[in-house]
C-alpha atoms as a PDB file:
ATOM      1  CA  MET A   1     -15.095   3.994   8.996  1.00  0.00           C
ATOM      2  CA  GLU A   2     -13.361   7.148   7.869  1.00  0.00           C
ATOM      3  CA  LEU A   3     -11.535   8.011   4.657  1.00  0.00           C
ATOM      4  CA  GLY A   4      -7.900   7.011   5.079  1.00  0.00           C
ATOM      5  CA  SER A   5      -8.659   3.851   7.061  1.00  0.00           C
ATOM      6  CA  THR A   6      -6.671   0.793   6.049  1.00  0.00           C
ATOM      7  CA  VAL A   7      -8.935  -2.181   5.455  1.00  0.00           C
ATOM      8  CA  LYS A   8      -8.495  -5.907   4.913  1.00  0.00           C
ATOM      9  CA  VAL A   9     -11.125  -7.795   2.953  1.00  0.00           C
ATOM     10  CA  VAL A  10     -11.758 -11.305   1.742  1.00  0.00           C
ATOM     11  CA  TYR A  11     -13.567 -11.352  -1.592  1.00  0.00           C
ATOM     12  CA  THR A  12     -14.524 -13.283  -4.686  1.00  0.00           C
ATOM     13  CA  GLY A  13     -15.229 -11.306  -7.855  1.00  0.00           C
ATOM     14  CA  THR A  14     -17.248 -12.857 -10.680  1.00  0.00           C
ATOM     15  CA  LEU A  15     -18.495 -11.876 -14.115  1.00  0.00           C
ATOM     16  CA  LYS A  16     -22.085 -12.204 -15.296  1.00  0.00           C
ATOM     17  CA  ASP A  17     -21.392 -15.744 -16.606  1.00  0.00           C
ATOM     18  CA  GLY A  18     -19.954 -16.834 -13.236  1.00  0.00           C
ATOM     19  CA  THR A  19     -16.290 -16.661 -14.279  1.00  0.00           C
ATOM     20  CA  VAL A  20     -14.114 -15.765 -11.277  1.00  0.00           C
ATOM     21  CA  PHE A  21     -11.825 -12.817 -12.078  1.00  0.00           C
ATOM     22  CA  GLY A  22     -10.335 -12.213  -8.647  1.00  0.00           C
ATOM     23  CA  THR A  23     -10.111 -13.499  -5.095  1.00  0.00           C
ATOM     24  CA  ALA A  24      -8.533 -12.699  -1.760  1.00  0.00           C
ATOM     25  CA  THR A  25      -8.490 -15.151   1.145  1.00  0.00           C
ATOM     26  CA  GLU A  26      -8.122 -14.790   4.919  1.00  0.00           C
ATOM     27  CA  GLU A  27      -4.539 -15.989   4.521  1.00  0.00           C
ATOM     28  CA  LYS A  28      -3.915 -13.404   1.765  1.00  0.00           C
ATOM     29  CA  PRO A  29      -6.539 -10.666   2.155  1.00  0.00           C
ATOM     30  CA  LEU A  30      -6.774  -7.582  -0.025  1.00  0.00           C
ATOM     31  CA  GLU A  31      -5.429  -4.682   2.028  1.00  0.00           C
ATOM     32  CA  PHE A  32      -5.741  -1.061   0.943  1.00  0.00           C
ATOM     33  CA  GLN A  33      -5.994   2.431   2.352  1.00  0.00           C
ATOM     34  CA  THR A  34      -9.296   4.069   1.483  1.00  0.00           C
ATOM     35  CA  GLY A  35      -9.110   7.386  -0.327  1.00  0.00           C
ATOM     36  CA  MET A  36      -5.932   6.497  -2.194  1.00  0.00           C
ATOM     37  CA  GLU A  37      -7.652   5.147  -5.330  1.00  0.00           C
ATOM     38  CA  LYS A  38      -6.043   1.703  -5.024  1.00  0.00           C
ATOM     39  CA  THR A  39      -9.237  -0.168  -5.932  1.00  0.00           C
ATOM     40  CA  ILE A  40     -12.065   0.411  -8.358  1.00  0.00           C
ATOM     41  CA  PRO A  41     -14.390   3.200  -7.172  1.00  0.00           C
ATOM     42  CA  GLY A  42     -17.563   1.182  -6.541  1.00  0.00           C
ATOM     43  CA  PHE A  43     -15.693  -1.482  -4.560  1.00  0.00           C
ATOM     44  CA  GLU A  44     -14.192   1.064  -2.173  1.00  0.00           C
ATOM     45  CA  ARG A  45     -17.521   2.865  -1.816  1.00  0.00           C
ATOM     46  CA  GLU A  46     -19.248  -0.398  -0.787  1.00  0.00           C
ATOM     47  CA  VAL A  47     -16.463  -1.404   1.632  1.00  0.00           C
ATOM     48  CA  MET A  48     -16.580   2.054   3.263  1.00  0.00           C
ATOM     49  CA  THR A  49     -20.161   1.320   4.407  1.00  0.00           C
ATOM     50  CA  MET A  50     -19.232  -1.986   6.073  1.00  0.00           C
ATOM     51  CA  GLU A  51     -18.172  -2.847   9.610  1.00  0.00           C
ATOM     52  CA  VAL A  52     -15.698  -5.540  10.646  1.00  0.00           C
ATOM     53  CA  GLY A  53     -17.390  -8.935  10.315  1.00  0.00           C
ATOM     54  CA  ASP A  54     -19.927  -7.755   7.731  1.00  0.00           C
ATOM     55  CA  LYS A  55     -20.444  -9.940   4.681  1.00  0.00           C
ATOM     56  CA  ARG A  56     -22.021  -8.427   1.603  1.00  0.00           C
ATOM     57  CA  THR A  57     -22.823  -9.385  -1.977  1.00  0.00           C
ATOM     58  CA  PHE A  58     -23.149  -6.610  -4.558  1.00  0.00           C
ATOM     59  CA  THR A  59     -22.897  -5.969  -8.290  1.00  0.00           C
ATOM     60  CA  LEU A  60     -21.217  -2.931  -9.807  1.00  0.00           C
ATOM     61  CA  GLU A  61     -22.114  -1.584 -13.224  1.00  0.00           C
ATOM     62  CA  ALA A  62     -19.190  -1.021 -15.598  1.00  0.00           C
ATOM     63  CA  ALA A  63     -18.945   2.705 -14.791  1.00  0.00           C
ATOM     64  CA  ASP A  64     -18.250   1.884 -11.119  1.00  0.00           C
ATOM     65  CA  GLY A  65     -15.801  -0.886 -12.029  1.00  0.00           C
ATOM     66  CA  PHE A  66     -13.218  -0.622 -14.788  1.00  0.00           C
ATOM     67  CA  GLY A  67     -15.274   1.823 -16.846  1.00  0.00           C
ATOM     68  CA  GLU A  68     -17.309   1.523 -20.001  1.00  0.00           C
ATOM     69  CA  TYR A  69     -15.652   0.020 -23.059  1.00  0.00           C
ATOM     70  CA  ASP A  70     -14.291   2.959 -25.073  1.00  0.00           C
ATOM     71  CA  GLU A  71     -13.603   2.608 -28.817  1.00  0.00           C
ATOM     72  CA  GLU A  72     -11.386   5.704 -28.527  1.00  0.00           C
ATOM     73  CA  GLN A  73      -8.940   3.569 -26.511  1.00  0.00           C
ATOM     74  CA  MET A  74      -7.782   1.805 -29.684  1.00  0.00           C
ATOM     75  CA  LEU A  75      -4.203   2.742 -30.589  1.00  0.00           C
ATOM     76  CA  GLU A  76      -2.501   2.146 -33.926  1.00  0.00           C
ATOM     77  CA  VAL A  77       1.276   1.630 -33.862  1.00  0.00           C
ATOM     78  CA  PRO A  78       3.797   0.457 -36.457  1.00  0.00           C
ATOM     79  CA  THR A  79       4.462  -3.259 -36.025  1.00  0.00           C
ATOM     80  CA  VAL A  80       8.208  -2.511 -35.777  1.00  0.00           C
ATOM     81  CA  SER A  81       7.543  -0.914 -32.362  1.00  0.00           C
ATOM     82  CA  ILE A  82       6.110  -4.099 -30.812  1.00  0.00           C
ATOM     83  CA  PRO A  83       7.738  -7.525 -30.323  1.00  0.00           C
ATOM     84  CA  TYR A  84       8.129  -9.411 -33.628  1.00  0.00           C
ATOM     85  CA  ASP A  85       6.323 -12.535 -32.408  1.00  0.00           C
ATOM     86  CA  VAL A  86       3.122 -10.790 -31.330  1.00  0.00           C
ATOM     87  CA  GLU A  87      -0.127 -12.110 -32.761  1.00  0.00           C
ATOM     88  CA  VAL A  88      -3.725 -10.942 -32.684  1.00  0.00           C
ATOM     89  CA  GLY A  89      -5.191 -11.654 -29.237  1.00  0.00           C
ATOM     90  CA  LYS A  90      -1.832 -11.461 -27.439  1.00  0.00           C
ATOM     91  CA  THR A  91      -0.995  -8.951 -24.719  1.00  0.00           C
ATOM     92  CA  VAL A  92       1.606  -6.217 -25.177  1.00  0.00           C
ATOM     93  CA  TRP A  93       2.710  -4.109 -22.206  1.00  0.00           C
ATOM     94  CA  MET A  94       2.776  -0.352 -22.767  1.00  0.00           C
ATOM     95  CA  ALA A  95       3.404   2.664 -20.512  1.00  0.00           C
ATOM     96  CA  ASP A  96       0.518   5.026 -19.749  1.00  0.00           C
ATOM     97  CA  PRO A  97       1.034   8.826 -19.455  1.00  0.00           C
ATOM     98  CA  THR A  98       2.081   8.408 -15.803  1.00  0.00           C
ATOM     99  CA  GLY A  99       4.713   5.796 -16.751  1.00  0.00           C
ATOM    100  CA  GLN A 100       2.770   2.894 -15.265  1.00  0.00           C
ATOM    101  CA  ARG A 101       2.897  -0.358 -17.235  1.00  0.00           C
ATOM    102  CA  VAL A 102      -0.495  -1.402 -18.566  1.00  0.00           C
ATOM    103  CA  PRO A 103      -1.512  -4.424 -20.617  1.00  0.00           C
ATOM    104  CA  THR A 104      -2.940  -3.834 -24.084  1.00  0.00           C
ATOM    105  CA  LYS A 105      -4.458  -6.460 -26.337  1.00  0.00           C
ATOM    106  CA  VAL A 106      -3.493  -6.768 -30.008  1.00  0.00           C
ATOM    107  CA  ALA A 107      -6.834  -6.409 -31.789  1.00  0.00           C
ATOM    108  CA  LYS A 108      -5.596  -6.351 -35.394  1.00  0.00           C
ATOM    109  CA  ILE A 109      -2.400  -6.457 -37.465  1.00  0.00           C
ATOM    110  CA  GLU A 110      -2.655  -5.197 -41.020  1.00  0.00           C
ATOM    111  CA  ASP A 111      -0.286  -3.534 -43.520  1.00  0.00           C
ATOM    112  CA  GLY A 112       2.503  -3.024 -40.972  1.00  0.00           C
ATOM    113  CA  VAL A 113       0.179  -1.483 -38.383  1.00  0.00           C
ATOM    114  CA  ALA A 114      -0.921  -3.100 -35.122  1.00  0.00           C
ATOM    115  CA  THR A 115      -4.179  -1.954 -33.523  1.00  0.00           C
ATOM    116  CA  LEU A 116      -3.936  -2.194 -29.742  1.00  0.00           C
ATOM    117  CA  ASP A 117      -6.957  -2.218 -27.441  1.00  0.00           C
ATOM    118  CA  CYS A 118      -5.977  -0.103 -24.431  1.00  0.00           C
ATOM    119  CA  ASN A 119      -9.220  -0.710 -22.514  1.00  0.00           C
ATOM    120  CA  HIS A 120      -8.929  -2.656 -19.274  1.00  0.00           C
ATOM    121  CA  PRO A 121      -9.792  -6.313 -19.999  1.00  0.00           C
ATOM    122  CA  LEU A 122     -12.873  -5.978 -17.759  1.00  0.00           C
ATOM    123  CA  ALA A 123     -14.036  -2.625 -19.170  1.00  0.00           C
ATOM    124  CA  GLY A 124     -17.727  -2.689 -20.007  1.00  0.00           C
ATOM    125  CA  GLU A 125     -18.405  -5.624 -17.685  1.00  0.00           C
ATOM    126  CA  PRO A 126     -20.706  -5.587 -14.656  1.00  0.00           C
ATOM    127  CA  LEU A 127     -18.786  -7.065 -11.717  1.00  0.00           C
ATOM    128  CA  SER A 128     -20.259  -9.063  -8.836  1.00  0.00           C
ATOM    129  CA  PHE A 129     -18.549  -9.399  -5.474  1.00  0.00           C
ATOM    130  CA  GLU A 130     -18.925 -11.414  -2.291  1.00  0.00           C
ATOM    131  CA  VAL A 131     -16.991  -9.449   0.327  1.00  0.00           C
ATOM    132  CA  GLU A 132     -16.193  -9.850   4.013  1.00  0.00           C
ATOM    133  CA  LEU A 133     -14.520  -7.006   5.901  1.00  0.00           C
ATOM    134  CA  ILE A 134     -12.055  -8.623   8.312  1.00  0.00           C
ATOM    135  CA  ALA A 135     -10.070  -5.658   9.696  1.00  0.00           C
ATOM    136  CA  VAL A 136      -9.996  -1.857   9.810  1.00  0.00           C
ATOM    137  CA  GLU A 137      -7.170   0.366  11.054  1.00  0.00           C
ATOM    138  CA  PRO A 138      -8.021   4.028  11.660  1.00  0.00           C
ATOM    139  CA  ALA A 139      -6.813   6.723   9.289  1.00  0.00           C
ATOM    140  CA  PRO A 140      -3.494   8.317  10.187  1.00  0.00           C
ATOM    141  CA  GLU A 141      -3.680  11.799  11.678  1.00  0.00           C
ATOM    142  CA  GLY A 142      -3.666  14.443   8.951  1.00  0.00           C
ATOM    143  CA  PHE A 143      -4.625  12.002   6.184  1.00  0.00           C
ATOM    144  CA  ILE A 144      -5.083  13.642   2.770  1.00  0.00           C
ATOM    145  CA  SER A 145      -6.891  11.636   0.083  1.00  0.00           C
ATOM    146  CA  MET A 146      -5.627  11.323  -3.492  1.00  0.00           C
ATOM    147  CA  ALA A 147      -8.503  13.533  -4.694  1.00  0.00           C
ATOM    148  CA  GLU A 148      -7.526  16.233  -2.186  1.00  0.00           C
ATOM    149  CA  ARG A 149      -3.877  15.966  -3.253  1.00  0.00           C
ATOM    150  CA  ARG A 150      -4.850  16.508  -6.896  1.00  0.00           C
ATOM    151  CA  LYS A 151      -7.009  19.480  -5.902  1.00  0.00           C
ATOM    152  CA  LYS A 152      -4.150  21.068  -3.924  1.00  0.00           C
ATOM    153  CA  ILE A 153      -1.692  20.528  -6.784  1.00  0.00           C
ATOM    154  CA  ALA A 154      -4.126  22.111  -9.254  1.00  0.00           C
ATOM    155  CA  GLU A 155      -4.593  25.097  -6.927  1.00  0.00           C
ATOM    156  CA  GLN A 156      -0.819  25.504  -6.601  1.00  0.00           C
ATOM    157  CA  GLN A 157      -0.352  25.283 -10.369  1.00  0.00           C
ATOM    158  CA  ALA A 158      -3.071  27.881 -10.901  1.00  0.00           C
ATOM    159  CA  MET A 159      -1.391  30.194  -8.387  1.00  0.00           C
ATOM    160  CA  LEU A 160       2.021  29.753 -10.010  1.00  0.00           C
ATOM    161  CA  SER A 161       0.685  30.409 -13.488  1.00  0.00           C
ATOM    162  CA  GLY A 162      -1.563  33.325 -12.603  1.00  0.00           C
ATOM    163  CA  GLY A 163      -4.740  31.224 -12.777  1.00  0.00           C
ATOM    164  CA  GLN A 164      -3.990  29.824 -16.221  1.00  0.00           C
ATOM    165  CA  GLY A 165      -3.179  26.215 -15.201  1.00  0.00           C
ATOM    166  CA  MET A 166       0.164  24.555 -15.836  1.00  0.00           C
ATOM    167  CA  PRO A 167       2.017  26.560 -18.515  1.00  0.00           C
ATOM    168  CA  GLY A 168       1.997  24.740 -21.842  1.00  0.00           C
ATOM    169  CA  ALA A 169      -0.072  21.797 -20.578  1.00  0.00           C
ATOM    170  CA  PRO A 170      -3.644  20.997 -21.558  1.00  0.00           C
ATOM    171  CA  SER A 171      -6.037  21.504 -18.649  1.00  0.00           C
ATOM    172  CA  ASP A 172      -6.945  17.808 -18.498  1.00  0.00           C
ATOM    173  CA  VAL A 173      -3.354  16.619 -18.006  1.00  0.00           C
ATOM    174  CA  PRO A 174      -2.595  15.695 -14.393  1.00  0.00           C
ATOM    175  CA  ALA A 175       0.525  16.929 -12.701  1.00  0.00           C
ATOM    176  CA  PRO A 176       3.579  14.662 -12.987  1.00  0.00           C
ATOM    177  CA  GLY A 177       3.284  11.715 -10.609  1.00  0.00           C
ATOM    178  CA  VAL A 178      -0.462  12.177 -10.119  1.00  0.00           C
ATOM    179  CA  PRO A 179      -2.666   9.427 -11.597  1.00  0.00           C
ATOM    180  CA  ALA A 180      -5.304  10.536 -14.061  1.00  0.00           C
ATOM    181  CA  SER A 181      -8.891  10.193 -12.920  1.00  0.00           C
ATOM    182  CA  GLY A 182     -10.026   6.629 -13.506  1.00  0.00           C
ATOM    183  CA  ALA A 183      -6.461   5.335 -13.905  1.00  0.00           C
ATOM    184  CA  THR A 184      -6.023   1.641 -13.387  1.00  0.00           C
ATOM    185  CA  GLY A 185      -2.997  -0.452 -12.690  1.00  0.00           C
ATOM    186  CA  THR A 186      -1.688  -3.562 -11.078  1.00  0.00           C
ATOM    187  CA  GLU A 187      -2.547  -2.304  -7.612  1.00  0.00           C
ATOM    188  CA  MET A 188      -6.127  -1.710  -8.710  1.00  0.00           C
ATOM    189  CA  LEU A 189      -8.686  -4.368  -7.974  1.00  0.00           C
END
């Protein structure tokens, strides 16, 4: 299988305690194009080594799934900027730097300030999968992966700014419309 192939998989994803967090069936398989960062990194890496008909069970550590739990992903906002009926433990939808809607969990409300946990709900969790690869379509001619696209954009920005990166932007900020490394979203597994 080559980068850029479109694959269809059947899978069941479970946590360490056996709780099922995701499934795809033959009737509704998970379909994604490899190299486009539409699934968690370790899942795509494992699927890329499979052939049609292969069945595999594997466990991914947090770093290869939704990342390690990061205390720095706690955000404090005035309670007036979130819905009035929100309680601790509830989910509030926010926009990430790319404009994508992401769920955040209300961790604490105190003195007019809500503390939101912006970590993915499965951050810090090892993830186990039972996967069957049911179809592979070859990569389109001239396929360019998301990583290559980011690299080309960075090179163009460096050229335009005389090698200084995007004028006025920190060096770790992706170009508009380009997901940050490790970004997650609804299309992510």
